[in-house]
């Protein structure tokens, strides 16, 4: 199991796994609240949260355009 000792390593892998660069506003919403070091389970959780953010953002855009 990979331990992330810095937020930079974690964010880099999160961006790679999600296939997108993260805006600071999104990063602040999905980064773990627990103190470092972080592990792979927190990476999966952050990915899930990022997917939710993206889905919620798309839902809002649909509501505004209709």
C-alpha atoms as a PDB file:
ATOM      1  CA  UNK A   1       0.000   0.000   0.000  1.00  0.00           C
ATOM      2  CA  UNK A   2       1.367   3.381  -1.017  1.00  0.00           C
ATOM      3  CA  UNK A   3       1.737   6.043   1.617  1.00  0.00           C
ATOM      4  CA  UNK A   4       1.729   9.631   0.467  1.00  0.00           C
ATOM      5  CA  UNK A   5       4.027  11.673   2.632  1.00  0.00           C
ATOM      6  CA  UNK A   6       3.256  14.971   0.870  1.00  0.00           C
ATOM      7  CA  UNK A   7       0.058  16.463  -0.512  1.00  0.00           C
ATOM      8  CA  UNK A   8       1.876  17.117  -3.791  1.00  0.00           C
ATOM      9  CA  UNK A   9       2.452  13.383  -4.462  1.00  0.00           C
ATOM     10  CA  UNK A  10      -1.145  12.633  -3.546  1.00  0.00           C
ATOM     11  CA  UNK A  11      -2.565  15.391  -5.755  1.00  0.00           C
ATOM     12  CA  UNK A  12      -0.364  14.329  -8.668  1.00  0.00           C
ATOM     13  CA  UNK A  13      -1.701  10.747  -8.482  1.00  0.00           C
ATOM     14  CA  UNK A  14      -5.258  12.020  -8.009  1.00  0.00           C
ATOM     15  CA  UNK A  15      -4.954  14.084 -11.179  1.00  0.00           C
ATOM     16  CA  UNK A  16      -3.445  11.144 -13.055  1.00  0.00           C
ATOM     17  CA  UNK A  17      -6.191   8.752 -11.922  1.00  0.00           C
ATOM     18  CA  UNK A  18      -8.980  11.229 -12.682  1.00  0.00           C
ATOM     19  CA  UNK A  19      -7.496  12.215 -16.041  1.00  0.00           C
ATOM     20  CA  UNK A  20      -7.753  15.942 -15.359  1.00  0.00           C
ATOM     21  CA  UNK A  21      -5.973  18.817 -13.681  1.00  0.00           C
ATOM     22  CA  UNK A  22      -7.578  19.999 -10.487  1.00  0.00           C
ATOM     23  CA  UNK A  23      -8.471  23.585  -9.828  1.00  0.00           C
ATOM     24  CA  UNK A  24      -7.515  24.721  -6.339  1.00  0.00           C
ATOM     25  CA  UNK A  25     -11.193  25.104  -5.433  1.00  0.00           C
ATOM     26  CA  UNK A  26     -11.847  21.444  -6.337  1.00  0.00           C
ATOM     27  CA  UNK A  27      -8.684  20.282  -4.588  1.00  0.00           C
ATOM     28  CA  UNK A  28      -9.748  21.962  -1.362  1.00  0.00           C
ATOM     29  CA  UNK A  29     -13.114  20.175  -1.562  1.00  0.00           C
ATOM     30  CA  UNK A  30     -11.738  16.657  -2.145  1.00  0.00           C
ATOM     31  CA  UNK A  31      -8.424  16.529  -0.268  1.00  0.00           C
ATOM     32  CA  UNK A  32      -8.405  14.364   2.862  1.00  0.00           C
ATOM     33  CA  UNK A  33      -9.056  16.095   6.162  1.00  0.00           C
ATOM     34  CA  UNK A  34      -6.826  13.601   7.990  1.00  0.00           C
ATOM     35  CA  UNK A  35      -3.220  14.601   8.666  1.00  0.00           C
ATOM     36  CA  UNK A  36      -0.471  13.228   6.428  1.00  0.00           C
ATOM     37  CA  UNK A  37       0.642  10.597   5.581  1.00  0.00           C
ATOM     38  CA  UNK A  38      -2.297   9.566   3.383  1.00  0.00           C
ATOM     39  CA  UNK A  39      -2.834   6.145   1.806  1.00  0.00           C
ATOM     40  CA  UNK A  40      -4.529   4.591  -1.226  1.00  0.00           C
ATOM     41  CA  UNK A  41      -7.892   4.297   0.512  1.00  0.00           C
ATOM     42  CA  UNK A  42      -7.940   8.087   0.884  1.00  0.00           C
ATOM     43  CA  UNK A  43      -7.023   8.403  -2.800  1.00  0.00           C
ATOM     44  CA  UNK A  44     -10.042   6.265  -3.755  1.00  0.00           C
ATOM     45  CA  UNK A  45     -12.258   8.321  -1.473  1.00  0.00           C
ATOM     46  CA  UNK A  46     -11.003  11.570  -3.010  1.00  0.00           C
ATOM     47  CA  UNK A  47     -11.621  10.173  -6.504  1.00  0.00           C
ATOM     48  CA  UNK A  48     -15.206   9.346  -5.526  1.00  0.00           C
ATOM     49  CA  UNK A  49     -15.684  12.849  -4.139  1.00  0.00           C
ATOM     50  CA  UNK A  50     -14.242  14.358  -7.306  1.00  0.00           C
ATOM     51  CA  UNK A  51     -16.642  12.309  -9.453  1.00  0.00           C
ATOM     52  CA  UNK A  52     -19.530  13.543  -7.295  1.00  0.00           C
ATOM     53  CA  UNK A  53     -18.385  17.138  -7.732  1.00  0.00           C
ATOM     54  CA  UNK A  54     -18.219  16.700 -11.496  1.00  0.00           C
ATOM     55  CA  UNK A  55     -21.643  15.024 -11.634  1.00  0.00           C
ATOM     56  CA  UNK A  56     -23.227  17.697  -9.411  1.00  0.00           C
ATOM     57  CA  UNK A  57     -21.686  20.435 -11.554  1.00  0.00           C
ATOM     58  CA  UNK A  58     -23.106  18.876 -14.714  1.00  0.00           C
ATOM     59  CA  UNK A  59     -26.531  18.585 -13.071  1.00  0.00           C
ATOM     60  CA  UNK A  60     -26.450  22.283 -12.171  1.00  0.00           C
ATOM     61  CA  UNK A  61     -25.495  23.248 -15.727  1.00  0.00           C
ATOM     62  CA  UNK A  62     -28.444  21.253 -17.076  1.00  0.00           C
ATOM     63  CA  UNK A  63     -30.830  22.948 -14.654  1.00  0.00           C
ATOM     64  CA  UNK A  64     -29.579  26.416 -15.618  1.00  0.00           C
ATOM     65  CA  UNK A  65     -29.750  25.758 -19.353  1.00  0.00           C
ATOM     66  CA  UNK A  66     -33.323  24.422 -19.214  1.00  0.00           C
END
